[in-house]
């Protein structure tokens, strides 16, 4: 009989070093905050895998080109605002979460939320699922 609570070679994953996780999240945020379309496209390609996906309550896109275009639309809708991480990064295996907010230079927050990031073995983002606002009450 096999103990199902014990990971096997087929189910175990290797966790990335915490510095690699932070680098991946920082690269993601840098791409989100890049307002120049060409530089944003380059930053997005560097931060995401070729088949990376992004999903939030308002959109779902796949691939660095589509992700970069979505971010461009955010900059058009909220000019002069930027994203920043507002929490530590918590995670296990290849899945990590962190809180963020979009705010103007004066600190007025437009929206905040939590991102759940899946990071590929090469240290780039494979997926982000974003949630807006605080956690709901019970």
N, C-alpha and C. Protein backbone atom coordinates (compact mmCIF):
# COMPACT_ATOMS: atom_id res chain seq x y z
N UNK A 1 0.85 -1.17 0.00
CA UNK A 1 0.00 0.00 0.00
C UNK A 1 0.90 1.24 0.00
N UNK A 2 0.50 2.26 -0.78
CA UNK A 2 1.27 3.49 -0.88
C UNK A 2 0.67 4.55 0.01
N UNK A 3 1.50 5.27 0.73
CA UNK A 3 1.05 6.38 1.55
C UNK A 3 0.79 7.57 0.62
N UNK A 4 -0.49 7.94 0.45
CA UNK A 4 -0.83 9.01 -0.49
C UNK A 4 -0.42 10.38 0.00
N UNK A 5 -0.08 10.51 1.26
CA UNK A 5 0.34 11.81 1.78
C UNK A 5 1.81 12.10 1.47
N UNK A 6 2.54 11.09 1.05
CA UNK A 6 3.95 11.27 0.75
C UNK A 6 4.12 11.53 -0.73
N UNK A 7 4.75 12.68 -1.11
CA UNK A 7 4.94 12.96 -2.53
C UNK A 7 5.83 11.91 -3.17
N UNK A 8 5.53 11.59 -4.40
CA UNK A 8 6.36 10.69 -5.17
C UNK A 8 7.12 11.51 -6.20
N UNK A 9 8.03 10.90 -6.91
CA UNK A 9 8.78 11.60 -7.94
C UNK A 9 7.84 12.16 -8.99
N UNK A 10 6.72 11.50 -9.22
CA UNK A 10 5.78 11.97 -10.24
C UNK A 10 4.94 13.16 -9.78
N UNK A 11 4.76 13.33 -8.46
CA UNK A 11 3.90 14.41 -7.98
C UNK A 11 4.67 15.53 -7.29
N UNK A 12 5.88 15.31 -6.89
CA UNK A 12 6.64 16.34 -6.19
C UNK A 12 7.13 17.41 -7.17
N UNK A 13 7.15 18.65 -6.70
CA UNK A 13 7.71 19.73 -7.49
C UNK A 13 8.85 20.37 -6.70
N UNK A 14 9.73 21.01 -7.39
CA UNK A 14 10.84 21.68 -6.75
C UNK A 14 10.50 23.14 -6.57
N UNK A 15 10.57 23.61 -5.35
CA UNK A 15 10.28 25.02 -5.07
C UNK A 15 11.43 25.88 -5.54
N UNK A 16 11.11 27.04 -6.09
CA UNK A 16 12.12 28.00 -6.47
C UNK A 16 12.68 28.67 -5.22
N UNK A 17 13.92 29.11 -5.30
CA UNK A 17 14.53 29.88 -4.22
C UNK A 17 13.70 31.15 -4.01
N UNK A 18 13.51 31.59 -2.77
CA UNK A 18 12.71 32.79 -2.53
C UNK A 18 13.19 34.01 -3.33
N UNK A 19 14.48 34.14 -3.55
CA UNK A 19 14.97 35.27 -4.36
C UNK A 19 14.47 35.18 -5.79
N UNK A 20 14.34 33.98 -6.33
CA UNK A 20 13.83 33.80 -7.70
C UNK A 20 12.35 34.15 -7.76
N UNK A 21 11.62 33.82 -6.71
CA UNK A 21 10.20 34.16 -6.66
C UNK A 21 10.04 35.68 -6.61
N UNK A 22 10.81 36.34 -5.74
CA UNK A 22 10.75 37.79 -5.65
C UNK A 22 11.13 38.43 -6.98
N UNK A 23 12.15 37.90 -7.64
CA UNK A 23 12.56 38.43 -8.95
C UNK A 23 11.44 38.29 -9.97
N UNK A 24 10.73 37.18 -9.95
CA UNK A 24 9.62 36.98 -10.89
C UNK A 24 8.50 37.98 -10.63
N UNK A 25 8.15 38.19 -9.38
CA UNK A 25 7.09 39.13 -9.04
C UNK A 25 7.54 40.56 -9.37
N UNK A 26 8.79 40.89 -9.07
CA UNK A 26 9.29 42.22 -9.40
C UNK A 26 9.30 42.47 -10.90
N UNK A 27 9.65 41.45 -11.69
CA UNK A 27 9.63 41.58 -13.16
C UNK A 27 8.20 41.80 -13.65
N UNK A 28 7.26 41.10 -13.06
CA UNK A 28 5.83 41.26 -13.39
C UNK A 28 5.38 42.69 -13.12
N UNK A 29 5.70 43.20 -11.92
CA UNK A 29 5.28 44.55 -11.56
C UNK A 29 5.97 45.59 -12.43
N UNK A 30 7.23 45.38 -12.77
CA UNK A 30 7.94 46.31 -13.66
C UNK A 30 7.25 46.36 -15.02
N UNK A 31 6.85 45.21 -15.54
CA UNK A 31 6.14 45.17 -16.82
C UNK A 31 4.79 45.86 -16.70
N UNK A 32 4.09 45.66 -15.58
CA UNK A 32 2.81 46.32 -15.37
C UNK A 32 2.95 47.84 -15.34
N UNK A 33 4.05 48.32 -14.83
CA UNK A 33 4.24 49.75 -14.66
C UNK A 33 4.90 50.44 -15.85
N UNK A 34 5.32 49.68 -16.84
CA UNK A 34 5.98 50.27 -18.01
C UNK A 34 4.94 50.90 -18.92
N UNK A 35 5.06 52.21 -19.15
CA UNK A 35 4.09 52.91 -19.99
C UNK A 35 4.48 52.95 -21.47
N UNK A 36 5.75 52.79 -21.77
CA UNK A 36 6.18 52.75 -23.17
C UNK A 36 5.85 51.38 -23.75
N UNK A 37 5.09 51.37 -24.84
CA UNK A 37 4.61 50.10 -25.42
C UNK A 37 5.72 49.15 -25.82
N UNK A 38 6.77 49.64 -26.45
CA UNK A 38 7.87 48.76 -26.88
C UNK A 38 8.62 48.19 -25.69
N UNK A 39 8.93 49.05 -24.72
CA UNK A 39 9.64 48.56 -23.52
C UNK A 39 8.75 47.61 -22.72
N UNK A 40 7.44 47.89 -22.67
CA UNK A 40 6.52 47.00 -21.96
C UNK A 40 6.45 45.64 -22.65
N UNK A 41 6.42 45.62 -23.98
CA UNK A 41 6.39 44.35 -24.71
C UNK A 41 7.63 43.53 -24.40
N UNK A 42 8.79 44.17 -24.36
CA UNK A 42 10.04 43.47 -24.04
C UNK A 42 10.00 42.96 -22.60
N UNK A 43 9.59 43.81 -21.67
CA UNK A 43 9.54 43.42 -20.26
C UNK A 43 8.55 42.28 -20.04
N UNK A 44 7.42 42.32 -20.73
CA UNK A 44 6.41 41.27 -20.59
C UNK A 44 6.94 39.95 -21.13
N UNK A 45 7.61 40.00 -22.26
CA UNK A 45 8.19 38.77 -22.84
C UNK A 45 9.24 38.18 -21.90
N UNK A 46 10.00 39.02 -21.23
CA UNK A 46 11.01 38.53 -20.30
C UNK A 46 10.40 37.98 -19.02
N UNK A 47 9.27 38.53 -18.59
CA UNK A 47 8.65 38.13 -17.33
C UNK A 47 7.75 36.91 -17.44
N UNK A 48 7.20 36.65 -18.64
CA UNK A 48 6.20 35.61 -18.82
C UNK A 48 6.68 34.51 -19.74
N UNK A 49 6.19 33.29 -19.52
CA UNK A 49 6.41 32.21 -20.46
C UNK A 49 5.60 32.50 -21.73
N UNK A 50 5.96 31.84 -22.82
CA UNK A 50 5.28 32.08 -24.10
C UNK A 50 3.78 31.78 -24.04
N UNK A 51 3.40 30.84 -23.18
CA UNK A 51 1.99 30.47 -23.07
C UNK A 51 1.38 30.95 -21.75
N UNK A 52 1.99 31.95 -21.14
CA UNK A 52 1.51 32.48 -19.87
C UNK A 52 0.10 33.03 -19.98
N UNK A 53 -0.65 32.92 -18.88
CA UNK A 53 -2.03 33.39 -18.86
C UNK A 53 -2.24 34.37 -17.72
N UNK A 54 -3.11 35.33 -17.95
CA UNK A 54 -3.52 36.29 -16.94
C UNK A 54 -5.04 36.31 -16.92
N UNK A 55 -5.61 36.26 -15.71
CA UNK A 55 -7.06 36.25 -15.57
C UNK A 55 -7.43 37.09 -14.35
N UNK A 56 -8.38 38.01 -14.53
CA UNK A 56 -8.96 38.76 -13.42
C UNK A 56 -10.47 38.85 -13.66
N UNK A 57 -11.23 39.49 -12.78
CA UNK A 57 -12.68 39.53 -12.99
C UNK A 57 -13.12 40.22 -14.28
N UNK A 58 -12.24 41.02 -14.91
CA UNK A 58 -12.63 41.76 -16.10
C UNK A 58 -12.03 41.24 -17.39
N UNK A 59 -10.99 40.42 -17.30
CA UNK A 59 -10.33 39.96 -18.53
C UNK A 59 -9.62 38.64 -18.31
N UNK A 60 -9.38 37.98 -19.43
CA UNK A 60 -8.58 36.75 -19.44
C UNK A 60 -7.81 36.76 -20.76
N UNK A 61 -6.49 36.74 -20.67
CA UNK A 61 -5.66 36.81 -21.87
C UNK A 61 -4.54 35.78 -21.76
N UNK A 62 -3.97 35.43 -22.92
CA UNK A 62 -2.88 34.44 -22.94
C UNK A 62 -1.77 34.94 -23.86
N UNK A 63 -0.55 34.74 -23.41
CA UNK A 63 0.62 35.11 -24.19
C UNK A 63 1.09 36.51 -23.87
N UNK A 64 2.40 36.73 -23.92
CA UNK A 64 2.97 38.04 -23.58
C UNK A 64 2.41 39.19 -24.40
N UNK A 65 2.14 38.98 -25.68
CA UNK A 65 1.62 40.07 -26.52
C UNK A 65 0.25 40.53 -26.02
N UNK A 66 -0.62 39.60 -25.73
CA UNK A 66 -1.96 39.95 -25.24
C UNK A 66 -1.90 40.55 -23.84
N UNK A 67 -1.00 40.03 -23.00
CA UNK A 67 -0.85 40.58 -21.65
C UNK A 67 -0.36 42.02 -21.74
N UNK A 68 0.63 42.28 -22.60
CA UNK A 68 1.15 43.64 -22.76
C UNK A 68 0.06 44.59 -23.27
N UNK A 69 -0.75 44.14 -24.20
CA UNK A 69 -1.85 44.97 -24.72
C UNK A 69 -2.86 45.28 -23.62
N UNK A 70 -3.17 44.30 -22.79
CA UNK A 70 -4.10 44.51 -21.70
C UNK A 70 -3.55 45.57 -20.73
N UNK A 71 -2.26 45.48 -20.44
CA UNK A 71 -1.64 46.45 -19.54
C UNK A 71 -1.67 47.85 -20.16
N UNK A 72 -1.45 47.92 -21.47
CA UNK A 72 -1.55 49.21 -22.16
C UNK A 72 -2.92 49.83 -21.98
N UNK A 73 -3.96 49.02 -22.05
CA UNK A 73 -5.33 49.51 -21.85
C UNK A 73 -5.53 50.03 -20.42
N UNK A 74 -4.89 49.37 -19.45
CA UNK A 74 -4.98 49.84 -18.06
C UNK A 74 -4.35 51.22 -17.95
N UNK A 75 -3.19 51.41 -18.59
CA UNK A 75 -2.53 52.73 -18.55
C UNK A 75 -3.37 53.80 -19.23
N UNK A 76 -4.10 53.45 -20.28
CA UNK A 76 -4.99 54.42 -20.93
C UNK A 76 -6.15 54.79 -20.02
N UNK A 77 -6.67 53.81 -19.29
CA UNK A 77 -7.82 54.06 -18.41
C UNK A 77 -7.41 54.77 -17.13
N UNK A 78 -6.20 54.50 -16.64
CA UNK A 78 -5.73 55.07 -15.37
C UNK A 78 -4.36 55.72 -15.56
N UNK A 79 -4.29 56.79 -16.34
CA UNK A 79 -2.99 57.41 -16.62
C UNK A 79 -2.33 57.93 -15.34
N UNK A 80 -1.02 57.78 -15.29
CA UNK A 80 -0.26 58.28 -14.15
C UNK A 80 -0.33 57.41 -12.91
N UNK A 81 -1.01 56.27 -13.00
CA UNK A 81 -1.09 55.39 -11.84
C UNK A 81 -0.12 54.23 -12.00
N UNK A 82 0.25 53.64 -10.88
CA UNK A 82 1.17 52.52 -10.94
C UNK A 82 0.78 51.46 -9.90
N UNK A 83 1.26 50.26 -10.17
CA UNK A 83 1.03 49.12 -9.29
C UNK A 83 2.18 49.00 -8.30
N UNK A 84 1.85 48.56 -7.10
CA UNK A 84 2.90 48.24 -6.12
C UNK A 84 2.43 47.08 -5.26
N UNK A 85 3.39 46.30 -4.86
CA UNK A 85 3.10 45.18 -3.97
C UNK A 85 2.94 45.73 -2.57
N UNK A 86 1.92 45.26 -1.83
CA UNK A 86 1.63 45.77 -0.49
C UNK A 86 1.76 44.70 0.59
N UNK A 87 2.30 43.56 0.22
CA UNK A 87 2.47 42.48 1.19
C UNK A 87 3.75 41.72 0.88
N UNK A 88 4.08 40.84 1.77
CA UNK A 88 5.14 39.87 1.48
C UNK A 88 4.59 38.88 0.47
N UNK A 89 5.47 38.07 -0.08
CA UNK A 89 5.07 37.01 -1.01
C UNK A 89 5.01 35.71 -0.22
N UNK A 90 3.88 35.05 -0.30
CA UNK A 90 3.65 33.80 0.43
C UNK A 90 3.41 32.71 -0.60
N UNK A 91 3.96 31.54 -0.38
CA UNK A 91 3.69 30.48 -1.33
C UNK A 91 4.27 29.15 -0.95
N UNK A 92 4.01 28.22 -1.81
CA UNK A 92 4.58 26.88 -1.70
C UNK A 92 4.65 26.29 -3.09
N UNK A 93 5.59 25.40 -3.28
CA UNK A 93 5.84 24.78 -4.57
C UNK A 93 6.04 25.86 -5.63
N UNK A 94 5.20 25.90 -6.64
CA UNK A 94 5.34 26.91 -7.69
C UNK A 94 4.20 27.93 -7.67
N UNK A 95 3.42 27.97 -6.57
CA UNK A 95 2.27 28.87 -6.48
C UNK A 95 2.51 29.86 -5.34
N UNK A 96 2.29 31.14 -5.65
CA UNK A 96 2.58 32.20 -4.69
C UNK A 96 1.49 33.25 -4.74
N UNK A 97 1.31 33.94 -3.62
CA UNK A 97 0.30 35.00 -3.55
C UNK A 97 0.90 36.25 -2.93
N UNK A 98 0.34 37.37 -3.33
CA UNK A 98 0.77 38.65 -2.77
C UNK A 98 -0.34 39.68 -3.01
N UNK A 99 -0.36 40.69 -2.14
CA UNK A 99 -1.34 41.77 -2.27
C UNK A 99 -0.70 42.92 -3.04
N UNK A 100 -1.55 43.69 -3.69
CA UNK A 100 -1.08 44.80 -4.52
C UNK A 100 -2.13 45.90 -4.52
N UNK A 101 -1.73 47.07 -5.03
CA UNK A 101 -2.69 48.14 -5.26
C UNK A 101 -2.25 48.97 -6.46
N UNK A 102 -3.22 49.60 -7.08
CA UNK A 102 -3.00 50.55 -8.17
C UNK A 102 -3.35 51.92 -7.60
N UNK A 103 -2.36 52.84 -7.63
CA UNK A 103 -2.56 54.14 -7.00
C UNK A 103 -1.88 55.24 -7.80
N UNK A 104 -2.33 56.47 -7.55
CA UNK A 104 -1.68 57.61 -8.19
C UNK A 104 -0.50 58.07 -7.34
N UNK A 105 0.20 59.10 -7.82
CA UNK A 105 1.40 59.58 -7.11
C UNK A 105 1.09 60.11 -5.72
N UNK A 106 -0.13 60.59 -5.49
CA UNK A 106 -0.52 61.10 -4.18
C UNK A 106 -0.87 59.97 -3.21
N UNK A 107 -0.92 58.73 -3.72
CA UNK A 107 -1.25 57.59 -2.87
C UNK A 107 -2.71 57.22 -2.85
N UNK A 108 -3.52 57.89 -3.66
CA UNK A 108 -4.94 57.55 -3.73
C UNK A 108 -5.09 56.23 -4.48
N UNK A 109 -5.65 55.25 -3.79
CA UNK A 109 -5.77 53.90 -4.34
C UNK A 109 -7.04 53.78 -5.17
N UNK A 110 -6.87 53.33 -6.41
CA UNK A 110 -8.00 53.07 -7.30
C UNK A 110 -8.57 51.69 -7.05
N UNK A 111 -7.69 50.70 -6.94
CA UNK A 111 -8.11 49.32 -6.70
C UNK A 111 -6.93 48.58 -6.08
N UNK A 112 -7.25 47.60 -5.30
CA UNK A 112 -6.25 46.71 -4.73
C UNK A 112 -6.75 45.29 -4.82
N UNK A 113 -5.88 44.36 -4.51
CA UNK A 113 -6.31 42.98 -4.55
C UNK A 113 -5.21 42.02 -4.22
N UNK A 114 -5.43 40.79 -4.62
CA UNK A 114 -4.47 39.70 -4.38
C UNK A 114 -4.25 38.98 -5.70
N UNK A 115 -2.99 38.70 -6.00
CA UNK A 115 -2.64 37.90 -7.16
C UNK A 115 -2.16 36.54 -6.70
N UNK A 116 -2.56 35.53 -7.42
CA UNK A 116 -2.07 34.16 -7.24
C UNK A 116 -1.21 33.87 -8.47
N UNK A 117 0.06 33.66 -8.26
CA UNK A 117 1.01 33.49 -9.37
C UNK A 117 1.54 32.06 -9.41
N UNK A 118 1.55 31.50 -10.60
CA UNK A 118 2.23 30.22 -10.83
C UNK A 118 3.51 30.55 -11.57
N UNK A 119 4.62 30.09 -11.02
CA UNK A 119 5.93 30.42 -11.59
C UNK A 119 6.52 29.16 -12.20
N UNK A 120 6.95 29.28 -13.45
CA UNK A 120 7.55 28.17 -14.18
C UNK A 120 8.93 27.85 -13.62
N UNK A 121 9.44 26.66 -13.90
CA UNK A 121 10.77 26.28 -13.41
C UNK A 121 11.89 27.24 -13.85
N UNK A 122 11.70 27.94 -14.97
CA UNK A 122 12.73 28.88 -15.43
C UNK A 122 12.64 30.23 -14.72
N UNK A 123 11.71 30.38 -13.77
CA UNK A 123 11.59 31.60 -13.00
C UNK A 123 10.67 32.65 -13.61
N UNK A 124 10.06 32.34 -14.75
CA UNK A 124 9.12 33.28 -15.36
C UNK A 124 7.70 32.92 -14.94
N UNK A 125 6.80 33.86 -15.11
CA UNK A 125 5.40 33.64 -14.76
C UNK A 125 4.74 32.72 -15.78
N UNK A 126 4.01 31.74 -15.28
CA UNK A 126 3.21 30.86 -16.13
C UNK A 126 1.75 31.28 -16.08
N UNK A 127 1.32 31.82 -14.94
CA UNK A 127 -0.08 32.24 -14.80
C UNK A 127 -0.21 33.21 -13.63
N UNK A 128 -1.14 34.14 -13.81
CA UNK A 128 -1.58 35.01 -12.72
C UNK A 128 -3.10 34.95 -12.72
N UNK A 129 -3.67 34.74 -11.53
CA UNK A 129 -5.09 34.90 -11.32
C UNK A 129 -5.22 36.01 -10.30
N UNK A 130 -5.88 37.09 -10.69
CA UNK A 130 -6.00 38.28 -9.84
C UNK A 130 -7.41 38.39 -9.28
N UNK A 131 -7.48 38.81 -8.04
CA UNK A 131 -8.75 39.08 -7.37
C UNK A 131 -8.73 40.53 -6.93
N UNK A 132 -9.83 41.26 -7.14
CA UNK A 132 -9.93 42.65 -6.75
C UNK A 132 -10.58 42.76 -5.38
N UNK A 133 -10.12 43.74 -4.61
CA UNK A 133 -10.72 44.05 -3.33
C UNK A 133 -10.29 43.10 -2.21
N UNK A 134 -10.81 43.37 -1.01
CA UNK A 134 -10.46 42.52 0.15
C UNK A 134 -11.19 41.18 0.09
N UNK A 135 -10.73 40.28 0.90
CA UNK A 135 -11.40 38.98 1.00
C UNK A 135 -12.81 39.20 1.53
N UNK A 136 -13.79 38.47 1.01
CA UNK A 136 -15.16 38.64 1.51
C UNK A 136 -15.30 38.13 2.94
N UNK A 137 -16.25 38.71 3.66
CA UNK A 137 -16.56 38.26 5.02
C UNK A 137 -17.24 36.90 4.93
N UNK A 138 -17.20 36.16 5.99
CA UNK A 138 -17.90 34.87 6.04
C UNK A 138 -19.38 35.03 6.01
